[in-house]
Amino acid sequence: MDISRRKFFKLTGGAAATGVLSAGRARAASRPPSPEAYGCLVDTTLCVGCRRCESACNQRHHLPKPAESFDELSVLEKERRMDETTYTVVNKYYPRNIGTLKWRQRPTYVKFQCMHCNDPSCVSACIVGALTKTKSGAVVYDVSKCIGCRYCMVACPFQVPAYEYNQPLTPRVRKCTFCFEYVSKGGLPACAQVCPREVMTFGKRSDLLKLARWKIKSNPGKYVDHIYGEREVGGTSWLYLASEPFSHIGFPRLTDKAPPRLTESIQHAVTGYLALPLALYAALGGVMWFTGFHRKHKGPEHDTPDTPGRQGGES
């Protein structure tokens, strides 16, 4: 296929620029959400481990039924994780230090799901934009874009995304959706809607933080002075109150800095250093192509003596 030098350099230059521009797109995709973003405040001191939230989530999202009925509470004796068939689970934690107050003698029940981070690592890690942080606060997934690289699973500090390994032809990444479709129409997440103890309060994240601080201030001694998710990894849409240290009830110890800030700084440095070599390789490629093009179109007198069909008389 014939191609002019000018067009060749445009193509190679564009290819070099694409790598740098893709890093900029990744950085733009992981900005903090709008102050009007929604969230959910979970008061673990109110939860009794009824598992109604698990059942409601299962029904709304048409997930496979579990082997054990949702009425079976013995499953709470073993710590569980979300998987490709379960978007949310409730775990039971016995207090390590009972203390003097009777209310601290009861176990702590904690509901876990995707935290829908303000600056999500999964969104930053996804190289094709299959995961997106919406203005409403939810991190949503577009299966039509997913290539199954599973970088999101590696990047998540809460180890939430699961993969359908048993679906070899059409595997998907699975996680809590924050009932995005329902919330966008004025509805509630299924778990918050069905909870009989009103453990979960759904609303604007900024309002939920005010409510959480008011609860801590109004009930000295009942709560640890910490709102989990307010600052962890840059903040999350799901916020928690507890009577026990969060490290005792299944929450990882995380810094305030969002992981994308580290990964994107590395990506920016790598692409920055690669920009010059890419430009150099493009230039060298152009020289090599032009040299070959020029040699190919030289006249017969420039052929080498031993070129077949160009030798002197036959012997």
Foldseek 3Di string as FASTA:
>chain_A
DDDDLVVLLVVLLVVLVVLLVLLVVLVVQQAFADLQAKFKEFEQLQDPQQQQLFVLLCVVVVADDDPDHSRDRVVQVDDDAAAQRTAKDKHWFQDPDQDDDPSSRGITIDMDFDQLARRQQLCSQDSQRQWGQDNNRWIDGHQVRDPPPCSSCVRGPLNHWYWPPVDVPRIDTDHDGQPVVQVVVVHHNRSCVPDPRNSMDMGRQVVVVVVVCCVCVVDPQQWDPDWPQCQFLQGTRYIYTGNHPPVRPPDDDGDRHHVSVVVSVVSNVVSVVVSVVSSVVSVVVSVVVVVVVVVVPDDPVPDDQPDPPNHDDDD
